[in-house]
C-alpha atoms as a PDB file:
ATOM      1  CA  UNK A   1      15.328  18.380  -5.749  1.00  0.00           C
ATOM      2  CA  UNK A   2      17.435  17.065  -2.865  1.00  0.00           C
ATOM      3  CA  UNK A   3      16.403  14.004  -0.858  1.00  0.00           C
ATOM      4  CA  UNK A   4      17.219  15.687   2.459  1.00  0.00           C
ATOM      5  CA  UNK A   5      14.348  18.126   1.896  1.00  0.00           C
ATOM      6  CA  UNK A   6      11.961  15.316   2.838  1.00  0.00           C
ATOM      7  CA  UNK A   7      13.611  14.351   6.112  1.00  0.00           C
ATOM      8  CA  UNK A   8      12.165  14.864   9.582  1.00  0.00           C
ATOM      9  CA  UNK A   9      12.911  13.657  13.104  1.00  0.00           C
ATOM     10  CA  UNK A  10      10.749  10.729  14.188  1.00  0.00           C
ATOM     11  CA  UNK A  11      11.112   9.112  17.627  1.00  0.00           C
ATOM     12  CA  UNK A  12      11.054   5.330  17.314  1.00  0.00           C
ATOM     13  CA  UNK A  13       8.418   5.106  20.047  1.00  0.00           C
ATOM     14  CA  UNK A  14       5.866   6.685  17.678  1.00  0.00           C
ATOM     15  CA  UNK A  15       6.089   3.802  15.184  1.00  0.00           C
ATOM     16  CA  UNK A  16       2.877   1.834  15.779  1.00  0.00           C
ATOM     17  CA  UNK A  17       3.622  -1.840  16.398  1.00  0.00           C
ATOM     18  CA  UNK A  18       0.085  -3.194  16.707  1.00  0.00           C
ATOM     19  CA  UNK A  19      -3.329  -2.112  15.390  1.00  0.00           C
ATOM     20  CA  UNK A  20      -5.817  -0.452  17.722  1.00  0.00           C
ATOM     21  CA  UNK A  21      -8.662  -2.594  19.051  1.00  0.00           C
ATOM     22  CA  UNK A  22     -11.148  -0.661  16.892  1.00  0.00           C
ATOM     23  CA  UNK A  23     -10.173   0.193  13.331  1.00  0.00           C
ATOM     24  CA  UNK A  24     -11.831   3.622  13.303  1.00  0.00           C
ATOM     25  CA  UNK A  25     -10.538   4.655  16.752  1.00  0.00           C
ATOM     26  CA  UNK A  26      -7.337   6.039  15.251  1.00  0.00           C
ATOM     27  CA  UNK A  27      -6.664   9.753  15.274  1.00  0.00           C
ATOM     28  CA  UNK A  28      -7.274  11.857  12.182  1.00  0.00           C
ATOM     29  CA  UNK A  29      -5.342  14.941  11.159  1.00  0.00           C
ATOM     30  CA  UNK A  30      -7.117  17.055   8.537  1.00  0.00           C
ATOM     31  CA  UNK A  31      -4.764  19.164   6.425  1.00  0.00           C
ATOM     32  CA  UNK A  32      -5.962  21.978   4.176  1.00  0.00           C
ATOM     33  CA  UNK A  33      -3.740  21.688   1.103  1.00  0.00           C
ATOM     34  CA  UNK A  34      -4.234  25.357   0.197  1.00  0.00           C
ATOM     35  CA  UNK A  35      -3.564  27.042   3.539  1.00  0.00           C
ATOM     36  CA  UNK A  36      -1.771  24.378   5.565  1.00  0.00           C
ATOM     37  CA  UNK A  37      -4.369  24.693   8.344  1.00  0.00           C
ATOM     38  CA  UNK A  38      -4.550  21.650  10.614  1.00  0.00           C
ATOM     39  CA  UNK A  39      -7.555  20.149  12.422  1.00  0.00           C
ATOM     40  CA  UNK A  40      -7.330  17.265  14.915  1.00  0.00           C
ATOM     41  CA  UNK A  41     -10.128  14.686  15.010  1.00  0.00           C
ATOM     42  CA  UNK A  42     -10.780  10.935  15.171  1.00  0.00           C
ATOM     43  CA  UNK A  43     -11.233   8.692  12.160  1.00  0.00           C
ATOM     44  CA  UNK A  44     -14.733   7.678  13.222  1.00  0.00           C
ATOM     45  CA  UNK A  45     -15.763  11.266  12.359  1.00  0.00           C
ATOM     46  CA  UNK A  46     -14.465  11.095   8.780  1.00  0.00           C
ATOM     47  CA  UNK A  47     -18.015  11.393   7.436  1.00  0.00           C
ATOM     48  CA  UNK A  48     -18.077  15.030   8.613  1.00  0.00           C
ATOM     49  CA  UNK A  49     -15.560  15.918   5.912  1.00  0.00           C
ATOM     50  CA  UNK A  50     -17.511  14.490   2.978  1.00  0.00           C
ATOM     51  CA  UNK A  51     -20.442  15.910   1.042  1.00  0.00           C
ATOM     52  CA  UNK A  52     -23.128  14.323  -1.077  1.00  0.00           C
ATOM     53  CA  UNK A  53     -21.740  13.704  -4.535  1.00  0.00           C
ATOM     54  CA  UNK A  54     -18.146  13.142  -3.425  1.00  0.00           C
ATOM     55  CA  UNK A  55     -16.477   9.852  -4.342  1.00  0.00           C
ATOM     56  CA  UNK A  56     -14.197   7.762  -2.157  1.00  0.00           C
ATOM     57  CA  UNK A  57     -11.854   5.469  -4.118  1.00  0.00           C
ATOM     58  CA  UNK A  58     -10.619   2.340  -2.346  1.00  0.00           C
ATOM     59  CA  UNK A  59      -7.979  -0.223  -3.306  1.00  0.00           C
ATOM     60  CA  UNK A  60      -9.576  -3.659  -2.894  1.00  0.00           C
ATOM     61  CA  UNK A  61      -6.365  -5.680  -3.137  1.00  0.00           C
ATOM     62  CA  UNK A  62      -5.902  -8.502  -0.622  1.00  0.00           C
ATOM     63  CA  UNK A  63      -2.554  -9.338   0.950  1.00  0.00           C
ATOM     64  CA  UNK A  64      -1.049 -12.737   0.339  1.00  0.00           C
ATOM     65  CA  UNK A  65       0.345 -14.564   3.380  1.00  0.00           C
ATOM     66  CA  UNK A  66       3.485 -14.311   1.314  1.00  0.00           C
ATOM     67  CA  UNK A  67       6.238 -15.119   3.841  1.00  0.00           C
ATOM     68  CA  UNK A  68       7.172 -18.805   3.885  1.00  0.00           C
ATOM     69  CA  UNK A  69       9.635 -20.610   6.136  1.00  0.00           C
ATOM     70  CA  UNK A  70      11.091 -23.840   4.818  1.00  0.00           C
ATOM     71  CA  UNK A  71      14.264 -25.869   4.484  1.00  0.00           C
ATOM     72  CA  UNK A  72      16.562 -27.033   1.732  1.00  0.00           C
ATOM     73  CA  UNK A  73      15.651 -30.546   0.741  1.00  0.00           C
ATOM     74  CA  UNK A  74      19.264 -31.728   0.540  1.00  0.00           C
ATOM     75  CA  UNK A  75      20.777 -30.196   3.707  1.00  0.00           C
ATOM     76  CA  UNK A  76      17.846 -29.198   5.936  1.00  0.00           C
ATOM     77  CA  UNK A  77      19.191 -25.623   6.145  1.00  0.00           C
ATOM     78  CA  UNK A  78      16.483 -23.088   7.023  1.00  0.00           C
ATOM     79  CA  UNK A  79      15.333 -20.710   4.291  1.00  0.00           C
ATOM     80  CA  UNK A  80      12.882 -17.804   4.278  1.00  0.00           C
ATOM     81  CA  UNK A  81      11.015 -17.066   1.055  1.00  0.00           C
ATOM     82  CA  UNK A  82       8.983 -13.943   0.343  1.00  0.00           C
ATOM     83  CA  UNK A  83       6.643 -13.954  -2.668  1.00  0.00           C
ATOM     84  CA  UNK A  84       6.899 -10.753  -4.698  1.00  0.00           C
ATOM     85  CA  UNK A  85       5.253 -11.229  -8.067  1.00  0.00           C
ATOM     86  CA  UNK A  86       3.506 -14.052  -9.880  1.00  0.00           C
ATOM     87  CA  UNK A  87       4.694 -14.640 -13.404  1.00  0.00           C
ATOM     88  CA  UNK A  88       3.300 -17.363 -15.635  1.00  0.00           C
ATOM     89  CA  UNK A  89       1.497 -20.248 -13.944  1.00  0.00           C
ATOM     90  CA  UNK A  90       3.318 -21.406 -10.823  1.00  0.00           C
ATOM     91  CA  UNK A  91       6.420 -19.319 -11.504  1.00  0.00           C
ATOM     92  CA  UNK A  92       7.063 -16.505  -9.025  1.00  0.00           C
ATOM     93  CA  UNK A  93       9.634 -13.820  -8.391  1.00  0.00           C
ATOM     94  CA  UNK A  94      10.705 -14.055  -4.742  1.00  0.00           C
ATOM     95  CA  UNK A  95      13.136 -12.698  -2.179  1.00  0.00           C
ATOM     96  CA  UNK A  96      15.209 -15.307  -0.334  1.00  0.00           C
ATOM     97  CA  UNK A  97      17.088 -15.210   2.987  1.00  0.00           C
ATOM     98  CA  UNK A  98      19.874 -16.226   3.195  1.00  0.00           C
ATOM     99  CA  UNK A  99      20.200 -15.981  -0.568  1.00  0.00           C
ATOM    100  CA  UNK A 100      23.652 -17.607  -0.630  1.00  0.00           C
ATOM    101  CA  UNK A 101      22.060 -20.924   0.316  1.00  0.00           C
ATOM    102  CA  UNK A 102      19.753 -20.988  -2.698  1.00  0.00           C
ATOM    103  CA  UNK A 103      21.281 -21.631  -6.121  1.00  0.00           C
ATOM    104  CA  UNK A 104      19.645 -22.563  -9.390  1.00  0.00           C
ATOM    105  CA  UNK A 105      18.171 -26.031  -8.975  1.00  0.00           C
ATOM    106  CA  UNK A 106      17.837 -25.810  -5.175  1.00  0.00           C
ATOM    107  CA  UNK A 107      14.643 -27.416  -3.842  1.00  0.00           C
ATOM    108  CA  UNK A 108      12.991 -25.862  -0.770  1.00  0.00           C
ATOM    109  CA  UNK A 109      10.304 -27.770   1.145  1.00  0.00           C
ATOM    110  CA  UNK A 110       7.604 -26.117   3.270  1.00  0.00           C
ATOM    111  CA  UNK A 111       5.405 -27.513   6.026  1.00  0.00           C
ATOM    112  CA  UNK A 112       4.469 -31.146   5.594  1.00  0.00           C
ATOM    113  CA  UNK A 113       5.778 -31.311   2.044  1.00  0.00           C
ATOM    114  CA  UNK A 114       2.567 -30.159   0.369  1.00  0.00           C
ATOM    115  CA  UNK A 115       4.553 -27.252  -1.052  1.00  0.00           C
ATOM    116  CA  UNK A 116       7.964 -27.161  -2.687  1.00  0.00           C
ATOM    117  CA  UNK A 117       9.833 -24.426  -4.541  1.00  0.00           C
ATOM    118  CA  UNK A 118      12.505 -25.111  -7.157  1.00  0.00           C
ATOM    119  CA  UNK A 119      14.884 -22.229  -7.878  1.00  0.00           C
ATOM    120  CA  UNK A 120      14.920 -21.568 -11.629  1.00  0.00           C
ATOM    121  CA  UNK A 121      16.957 -18.351 -11.771  1.00  0.00           C
ATOM    122  CA  UNK A 122      19.297 -16.345  -9.531  1.00  0.00           C
ATOM    123  CA  UNK A 123      18.801 -12.564  -9.468  1.00  0.00           C
ATOM    124  CA  UNK A 124      20.432  -9.584  -7.726  1.00  0.00           C
ATOM    125  CA  UNK A 125      19.918  -8.504  -4.109  1.00  0.00           C
ATOM    126  CA  UNK A 126      18.591 -11.846  -2.903  1.00  0.00           C
ATOM    127  CA  UNK A 127      16.027 -12.208  -5.647  1.00  0.00           C
ATOM    128  CA  UNK A 128      15.213 -15.687  -6.915  1.00  0.00           C
ATOM    129  CA  UNK A 129      12.739 -16.984  -9.457  1.00  0.00           C
ATOM    130  CA  UNK A 130      11.104 -20.214  -8.385  1.00  0.00           C
ATOM    131  CA  UNK A 131       8.543 -22.712  -9.619  1.00  0.00           C
ATOM    132  CA  UNK A 132       6.149 -24.054  -7.004  1.00  0.00           C
ATOM    133  CA  UNK A 133       5.009 -27.665  -6.840  1.00  0.00           C
ATOM    134  CA  UNK A 134       2.099 -28.526  -4.587  1.00  0.00           C
ATOM    135  CA  UNK A 135      -0.914 -30.697  -3.886  1.00  0.00           C
ATOM    136  CA  UNK A 136      -4.327 -29.030  -3.938  1.00  0.00           C
ATOM    137  CA  UNK A 137      -5.135 -25.369  -4.596  1.00  0.00           C
ATOM    138  CA  UNK A 138      -2.131 -23.033  -4.362  1.00  0.00           C
ATOM    139  CA  UNK A 139      -3.782 -20.169  -2.465  1.00  0.00           C
ATOM    140  CA  UNK A 140      -5.330 -22.583   0.050  1.00  0.00           C
ATOM    141  CA  UNK A 141      -1.914 -24.138   0.656  1.00  0.00           C
ATOM    142  CA  UNK A 142      -0.440 -20.648   1.037  1.00  0.00           C
ATOM    143  CA  UNK A 143      -3.153 -19.661   3.552  1.00  0.00           C
ATOM    144  CA  UNK A 144      -2.235 -22.636   5.735  1.00  0.00           C
ATOM    145  CA  UNK A 145       1.553 -22.318   5.520  1.00  0.00           C
ATOM    146  CA  UNK A 146       2.296 -18.637   4.903  1.00  0.00           C
ATOM    147  CA  UNK A 147       2.607 -15.686   7.265  1.00  0.00           C
ATOM    148  CA  UNK A 148       1.715 -12.040   6.685  1.00  0.00           C
ATOM    149  CA  UNK A 149       4.662 -10.065   5.267  1.00  0.00           C
ATOM    150  CA  UNK A 150       4.592  -7.255   7.812  1.00  0.00           C
ATOM    151  CA  UNK A 151       6.874  -4.269   7.136  1.00  0.00           C
ATOM    152  CA  UNK A 152      10.396  -4.464   8.614  1.00  0.00           C
ATOM    153  CA  UNK A 153       9.698  -1.686  11.153  1.00  0.00           C
ATOM    154  CA  UNK A 154       6.969  -3.780  12.843  1.00  0.00           C
ATOM    155  CA  UNK A 155       8.609  -6.043  15.407  1.00  0.00           C
ATOM    156  CA  UNK A 156       5.507  -7.315  17.223  1.00  0.00           C
ATOM    157  CA  UNK A 157       3.635 -10.486  16.266  1.00  0.00           C
ATOM    158  CA  UNK A 158       0.224  -9.933  14.660  1.00  0.00           C
ATOM    159  CA  UNK A 159      -2.389 -11.985  16.511  1.00  0.00           C
ATOM    160  CA  UNK A 160      -5.158 -11.606  13.932  1.00  0.00           C
ATOM    161  CA  UNK A 161      -3.929 -11.605  10.327  1.00  0.00           C
ATOM    162  CA  UNK A 162      -7.202 -10.004   9.162  1.00  0.00           C
ATOM    163  CA  UNK A 163      -6.092  -6.790  10.879  1.00  0.00           C
ATOM    164  CA  UNK A 164      -3.532  -6.448   8.078  1.00  0.00           C
ATOM    165  CA  UNK A 165      -6.367  -6.645   5.547  1.00  0.00           C
ATOM    166  CA  UNK A 166      -8.945  -3.985   4.756  1.00  0.00           C
ATOM    167  CA  UNK A 167     -12.579  -4.938   5.439  1.00  0.00           C
ATOM    168  CA  UNK A 168     -13.222  -4.652   1.689  1.00  0.00           C
ATOM    169  CA  UNK A 169     -10.187  -6.650   0.492  1.00  0.00           C
ATOM    170  CA  UNK A 170     -11.082  -8.932  -2.396  1.00  0.00           C
ATOM    171  CA  UNK A 171      -8.486  -9.347  -5.151  1.00  0.00           C
ATOM    172  CA  UNK A 172      -5.574 -11.493  -3.905  1.00  0.00           C
ATOM    173  CA  UNK A 173      -2.107 -10.388  -4.958  1.00  0.00           C
ATOM    174  CA  UNK A 174      -0.394  -7.856  -2.664  1.00  0.00           C
ATOM    175  CA  UNK A 175       2.864  -8.264  -0.790  1.00  0.00           C
ATOM    176  CA  UNK A 176       1.796  -5.469   1.582  1.00  0.00           C
ATOM    177  CA  UNK A 177      -1.466  -3.879   2.701  1.00  0.00           C
ATOM    178  CA  UNK A 178      -2.851  -0.590   1.364  1.00  0.00           C
ATOM    179  CA  UNK A 179      -2.670   0.653   4.935  1.00  0.00           C
ATOM    180  CA  UNK A 180      -4.685   3.880   4.647  1.00  0.00           C
ATOM    181  CA  UNK A 181      -7.738   1.681   4.197  1.00  0.00           C
ATOM    182  CA  UNK A 182      -7.206  -0.230   7.444  1.00  0.00           C
ATOM    183  CA  UNK A 183      -9.102   2.487   9.356  1.00  0.00           C
ATOM    184  CA  UNK A 184     -12.423   1.836   7.630  1.00  0.00           C
ATOM    185  CA  UNK A 185     -15.174  -0.331   9.081  1.00  0.00           C
ATOM    186  CA  UNK A 186     -18.199  -1.653   7.215  1.00  0.00           C
ATOM    187  CA  UNK A 187     -20.368   0.622   9.354  1.00  0.00           C
ATOM    188  CA  UNK A 188     -18.320   3.679   8.439  1.00  0.00           C
ATOM    189  CA  UNK A 189     -18.577   2.908   4.735  1.00  0.00           C
ATOM    190  CA  UNK A 190     -22.346   2.444   5.125  1.00  0.00           C
ATOM    191  CA  UNK A 191     -22.563   5.834   6.853  1.00  0.00           C
ATOM    192  CA  UNK A 192     -20.737   7.475   3.949  1.00  0.00           C
ATOM    193  CA  UNK A 193     -23.092   5.841   1.441  1.00  0.00           C
ATOM    194  CA  UNK A 194     -26.090   7.019   3.474  1.00  0.00           C
ATOM    195  CA  UNK A 195     -24.743  10.558   3.179  1.00  0.00           C
ATOM    196  CA  UNK A 196     -24.717  10.276  -0.607  1.00  0.00           C
ATOM    197  CA  UNK A 197     -20.990   9.603  -1.013  1.00  0.00           C
ATOM    198  CA  UNK A 198     -20.052   7.298  -3.902  1.00  0.00           C
ATOM    199  CA  UNK A 199     -17.813   4.340  -3.029  1.00  0.00           C
ATOM    200  CA  UNK A 200     -15.659   3.110  -5.929  1.00  0.00           C
ATOM    201  CA  UNK A 201     -13.024   0.370  -6.097  1.00  0.00           C
ATOM    202  CA  UNK A 202      -9.811  -0.058  -8.029  1.00  0.00           C
ATOM    203  CA  UNK A 203      -7.077  -2.674  -7.638  1.00  0.00           C
ATOM    204  CA  UNK A 204      -3.354  -2.137  -7.250  1.00  0.00           C
ATOM    205  CA  UNK A 205      -1.266  -5.028  -5.967  1.00  0.00           C
ATOM    206  CA  UNK A 206       1.248  -3.477  -3.587  1.00  0.00           C
ATOM    207  CA  UNK A 207       4.853  -4.590  -3.997  1.00  0.00           C
ATOM    208  CA  UNK A 208       7.659  -4.542  -1.444  1.00  0.00           C
ATOM    209  CA  UNK A 209       9.178  -1.633  -3.322  1.00  0.00           C
ATOM    210  CA  UNK A 210       6.784   0.440  -1.241  1.00  0.00           C
ATOM    211  CA  UNK A 211       9.200   0.044   1.682  1.00  0.00           C
ATOM    212  CA  UNK A 212      12.435   0.563  -0.209  1.00  0.00           C
ATOM    213  CA  UNK A 213      14.124   3.831   0.734  1.00  0.00           C
ATOM    214  CA  UNK A 214      14.950   6.448  -1.856  1.00  0.00           C
ATOM    215  CA  UNK A 215      18.730   6.361  -2.117  1.00  0.00           C
ATOM    216  CA  UNK A 216      19.372   8.860  -4.919  1.00  0.00           C
ATOM    217  CA  UNK A 217      20.584  12.209  -3.578  1.00  0.00           C
ATOM    218  CA  UNK A 218      18.441  13.942  -6.188  1.00  0.00           C
ATOM    219  CA  UNK A 219      14.958  12.465  -6.118  1.00  0.00           C
ATOM    220  CA  UNK A 220      14.471  12.927  -9.881  1.00  0.00           C
ATOM    221  CA  UNK A 221      16.989  10.086 -10.336  1.00  0.00           C
ATOM    222  CA  UNK A 222      14.940   7.609  -8.280  1.00  0.00           C
ATOM    223  CA  UNK A 223      13.344   4.722 -10.190  1.00  0.00           C
ATOM    224  CA  UNK A 224       9.989   3.517  -8.899  1.00  0.00           C
ATOM    225  CA  UNK A 225       9.036  -0.155  -8.687  1.00  0.00           C
ATOM    226  CA  UNK A 226       6.284  -1.358 -11.045  1.00  0.00           C
ATOM    227  CA  UNK A 227       2.955  -2.573  -9.645  1.00  0.00           C
ATOM    228  CA  UNK A 228      -0.058  -4.139 -11.355  1.00  0.00           C
ATOM    229  CA  UNK A 229      -3.290  -2.119 -11.437  1.00  0.00           C
ATOM    230  CA  UNK A 230      -6.792  -2.576 -12.773  1.00  0.00           C
ATOM    231  CA  UNK A 231      -9.912  -0.408 -13.122  1.00  0.00           C
ATOM    232  CA  UNK A 232     -13.181  -1.840 -14.413  1.00  0.00           C
ATOM    233  CA  UNK A 233     -15.802  -0.135 -16.577  1.00  0.00           C
ATOM    234  CA  UNK A 234     -18.180   0.479 -13.664  1.00  0.00           C
ATOM    235  CA  UNK A 235     -15.602   2.439 -11.669  1.00  0.00           C
ATOM    236  CA  UNK A 236     -14.456   4.423 -14.723  1.00  0.00           C
ATOM    237  CA  UNK A 237     -18.028   5.469 -15.515  1.00  0.00           C
ATOM    238  CA  UNK A 238     -18.731   6.381 -11.897  1.00  0.00           C
ATOM    239  CA  UNK A 239     -15.628   8.550 -11.609  1.00  0.00           C
ATOM    240  CA  UNK A 240     -16.336  10.347 -14.881  1.00  0.00           C
ATOM    241  CA  UNK A 241     -19.881  10.998 -13.699  1.00  0.00           C
ATOM    242  CA  UNK A 242     -18.714  12.370 -10.341  1.00  0.00           C
ATOM    243  CA  UNK A 243     -16.250  14.670 -12.100  1.00  0.00           C
ATOM    244  CA  UNK A 244     -18.918  15.874 -14.538  1.00  0.00           C
ATOM    245  CA  UNK A 245     -21.350  16.665 -11.696  1.00  0.00           C
ATOM    246  CA  UNK A 246     -18.778  18.606  -9.686  1.00  0.00           C
ATOM    247  CA  UNK A 247     -18.106  16.084  -6.926  1.00  0.00           C
ATOM    248  CA  UNK A 248     -14.699  15.588  -5.388  1.00  0.00           C
ATOM    249  CA  UNK A 249     -12.612  12.460  -5.923  1.00  0.00           C
ATOM    250  CA  UNK A 250     -10.856  11.439  -2.715  1.00  0.00           C
ATOM    251  CA  UNK A 251      -8.414   8.544  -2.962  1.00  0.00           C
ATOM    252  CA  UNK A 252      -7.648   6.271  -0.044  1.00  0.00           C
ATOM    253  CA  UNK A 253      -3.910   5.746   0.105  1.00  0.00           C
ATOM    254  CA  UNK A 254      -0.962   6.323  -2.165  1.00  0.00           C
ATOM    255  CA  UNK A 255      -1.763   3.099  -4.056  1.00  0.00           C
ATOM    256  CA  UNK A 256      -5.201   4.331  -5.130  1.00  0.00           C
ATOM    257  CA  UNK A 257      -3.685   7.704  -5.958  1.00  0.00           C
ATOM    258  CA  UNK A 258      -0.986   6.243  -8.187  1.00  0.00           C
ATOM    259  CA  UNK A 259      -3.538   4.095  -9.999  1.00  0.00           C
ATOM    260  CA  UNK A 260      -5.950   6.973 -10.637  1.00  0.00           C
ATOM    261  CA  UNK A 261      -3.192   9.327 -11.755  1.00  0.00           C
ATOM    262  CA  UNK A 262      -1.705   6.682 -14.063  1.00  0.00           C
ATOM    263  CA  UNK A 263      -5.032   6.153 -15.814  1.00  0.00           C
ATOM    264  CA  UNK A 264      -6.003   9.833 -15.976  1.00  0.00           C
ATOM    265  CA  UNK A 265      -2.558  10.754 -17.321  1.00  0.00           C
ATOM    266  CA  UNK A 266      -2.937   8.221 -20.120  1.00  0.00           C
ATOM    267  CA  UNK A 267      -6.392   9.461 -21.152  1.00  0.00           C
ATOM    268  CA  UNK A 268      -6.219  13.276 -20.967  1.00  0.00           C
ATOM    269  CA  UNK A 269      -7.791  13.449 -17.531  1.00  0.00           C
ATOM    270  CA  UNK A 270     -10.562  10.949 -18.283  1.00  0.00           C
ATOM    271  CA  UNK A 271     -11.064   7.598 -16.584  1.00  0.00           C
ATOM    272  CA  UNK A 272     -11.212   4.482 -18.735  1.00  0.00           C
ATOM    273  CA  UNK A 273     -11.359   0.777 -17.893  1.00  0.00           C
ATOM    274  CA  UNK A 274      -7.775  -0.442 -18.111  1.00  0.00           C
ATOM    275  CA  UNK A 275      -5.099  -2.593 -16.530  1.00  0.00           C
ATOM    276  CA  UNK A 276      -1.341  -2.824 -16.648  1.00  0.00           C
ATOM    277  CA  UNK A 277       1.820  -1.989 -14.747  1.00  0.00           C
ATOM    278  CA  UNK A 278       2.543   1.436 -13.313  1.00  0.00           C
ATOM    279  CA  UNK A 279       5.832   2.871 -12.135  1.00  0.00           C
ATOM    280  CA  UNK A 280       4.567   6.446 -11.835  1.00  0.00           C
ATOM    281  CA  UNK A 281       6.649   8.568  -9.442  1.00  0.00           C
ATOM    282  CA  UNK A 282       4.772  11.534  -8.013  1.00  0.00           C
ATOM    283  CA  UNK A 283       6.780  14.259  -6.292  1.00  0.00           C
ATOM    284  CA  UNK A 284       6.495  18.068  -5.919  1.00  0.00           C
ATOM    285  CA  UNK A 285       5.989  19.743  -9.255  1.00  0.00           C
ATOM    286  CA  UNK A 286       3.556  17.075 -10.429  1.00  0.00           C
ATOM    287  CA  UNK A 287       0.171  18.323 -11.683  1.00  0.00           C
ATOM    288  CA  UNK A 288      -2.654  16.122 -10.397  1.00  0.00           C
ATOM    289  CA  UNK A 289      -5.167  15.044 -13.023  1.00  0.00           C
ATOM    290  CA  UNK A 290      -7.405  12.632 -11.120  1.00  0.00           C
ATOM    291  CA  UNK A 291      -7.835  13.394  -7.421  1.00  0.00           C
ATOM    292  CA  UNK A 292      -8.969  16.346  -5.334  1.00  0.00           C
ATOM    293  CA  UNK A 293      -7.828  14.958  -1.998  1.00  0.00           C
ATOM    294  CA  UNK A 294      -6.645  11.822  -0.271  1.00  0.00           C
ATOM    295  CA  UNK A 295      -6.660   9.856   2.961  1.00  0.00           C
ATOM    296  CA  UNK A 296      -3.276   8.493   3.931  1.00  0.00           C
ATOM    297  CA  UNK A 297      -1.178   7.367   6.890  1.00  0.00           C
ATOM    298  CA  UNK A 298       1.976   9.052   8.197  1.00  0.00           C
ATOM    299  CA  UNK A 299       4.981   7.896   6.179  1.00  0.00           C
ATOM    300  CA  UNK A 300       8.698   7.290   6.549  1.00  0.00           C
ATOM    301  CA  UNK A 301      11.178  10.156   6.258  1.00  0.00           C
ATOM    302  CA  UNK A 302      12.745  10.461   2.796  1.00  0.00           C
ATOM    303  CA  UNK A 303      10.258   7.958   1.314  1.00  0.00           C
ATOM    304  CA  UNK A 304       8.574   8.177  -2.089  1.00  0.00           C
ATOM    305  CA  UNK A 305       5.278   8.195  -0.165  1.00  0.00           C
ATOM    306  CA  UNK A 306       5.962  11.443   1.700  1.00  0.00           C
ATOM    307  CA  UNK A 307       7.059  12.908  -1.636  1.00  0.00           C
ATOM    308  CA  UNK A 308       3.687  12.023  -3.152  1.00  0.00           C
ATOM    309  CA  UNK A 309       1.857  13.612  -0.219  1.00  0.00           C
ATOM    310  CA  UNK A 310       4.061  16.688  -0.548  1.00  0.00           C
ATOM    311  CA  UNK A 311       3.179  16.964  -4.227  1.00  0.00           C
ATOM    312  CA  UNK A 312      -0.495  17.227  -3.267  1.00  0.00           C
ATOM    313  CA  UNK A 313      -0.316  19.500  -0.232  1.00  0.00           C
ATOM    314  CA  UNK A 314       3.043  21.247  -0.587  1.00  0.00           C
ATOM    315  CA  UNK A 315       6.287  20.175   1.068  1.00  0.00           C
ATOM    316  CA  UNK A 316       6.247  22.981   3.642  1.00  0.00           C
ATOM    317  CA  UNK A 317       2.656  22.249   4.678  1.00  0.00           C
ATOM    318  CA  UNK A 318       3.347  18.511   4.937  1.00  0.00           C
ATOM    319  CA  UNK A 319       6.525  18.830   7.000  1.00  0.00           C
ATOM    320  CA  UNK A 320       4.787  21.308   9.304  1.00  0.00           C
ATOM    321  CA  UNK A 321       1.942  18.799   9.706  1.00  0.00           C
ATOM    322  CA  UNK A 322       4.375  15.946  10.365  1.00  0.00           C
ATOM    323  CA  UNK A 323       6.209  17.963  13.004  1.00  0.00           C
ATOM    324  CA  UNK A 324       2.826  18.703  14.587  1.00  0.00           C
ATOM    325  CA  UNK A 325       2.033  14.977  14.502  1.00  0.00           C
ATOM    326  CA  UNK A 326       5.277  14.179  16.302  1.00  0.00           C
ATOM    327  CA  UNK A 327       4.587  16.884  18.888  1.00  0.00           C
ATOM    328  CA  UNK A 328       1.051  15.539  19.469  1.00  0.00           C
ATOM    329  CA  UNK A 329       2.366  11.951  19.491  1.00  0.00           C
ATOM    330  CA  UNK A 330       0.414  10.588  16.571  1.00  0.00           C
ATOM    331  CA  UNK A 331       1.107   6.957  15.705  1.00  0.00           C
ATOM    332  CA  UNK A 332       3.127   6.497  12.493  1.00  0.00           C
ATOM    333  CA  UNK A 333       3.290   4.053   9.565  1.00  0.00           C
ATOM    334  CA  UNK A 334       1.175   0.988   8.738  1.00  0.00           C
ATOM    335  CA  UNK A 335      -0.786   0.586  11.999  1.00  0.00           C
ATOM    336  CA  UNK A 336      -0.643   4.294  12.798  1.00  0.00           C
ATOM    337  CA  UNK A 337      -3.035   7.231  12.563  1.00  0.00           C
ATOM    338  CA  UNK A 338      -4.482   8.879   9.465  1.00  0.00           C
ATOM    339  CA  UNK A 339      -4.369  12.159   7.587  1.00  0.00           C
ATOM    340  CA  UNK A 340      -7.033  13.626   5.327  1.00  0.00           C
ATOM    341  CA  UNK A 341      -5.723  16.099   2.767  1.00  0.00           C
ATOM    342  CA  UNK A 342      -8.424  18.234   1.188  1.00  0.00           C
END
């Protein structure tokens, strides 16, 4: 399947640069995956599209303030470090700019010297493995020195870093937010519970590979990045119960979807408590085993994310919906509007 089949024209002015004042004030497009019918609404009315017995699955990962600005200890040259993945102890895989300044053995100092990074290995494409040295508790030091790793298409400064976190974020470890969940408020989740909708949580720590474009001309040749996921016993039991009783499972975001499909694929459609690394690549032709629908944002042209959405709702239906979104001037990407596919 050719990459160009997932392209569409997107005016740059429709890329949302800042979040709306109210999380649930965003627009909501509802797409019928069977017919392609489109309904326009607002996210605050999302409860209208759920029934008692349905289950909403949320990714409770929390974004690290993973972008650090420091200087080389020996020369004072400025260096930017982006945390990608924690390995053992204080060893991390990172992305460095400019990478040519950082060789094995280079020491980078941040802030008042409470945090240092020693390069232990040089990797391709600006990747560096480092070992951190610090005083105190690492995540507290990171909170005081780090900045949110906003996607490259967001040029504006984020005034409140909590707006790049979901209201239910808990498990620290992501390099990017599961942005479909940014629309939810505590009040909206309470309203869904009051209607008899189950709320379940999984964890998938989002990596920067989320933003990497698909470069292979044939999408089957694309290799997905691996991300860590976890589902506990409580969530597995709840999902199996919902399925048994005929309720729908609606995932929030591509991260929740990939986690659920990874687990269901490994257990013949059942949900079991598990954790590990997933590099599942979902594109048209894939048979879904876990979800009945999903809530998601509007994604980049030619991205693995729009391919996943197309696998669920059909490429023709999705591209028609995206063209409608452009026509109606929906806001796109991380701080943009939402789509419910059911």
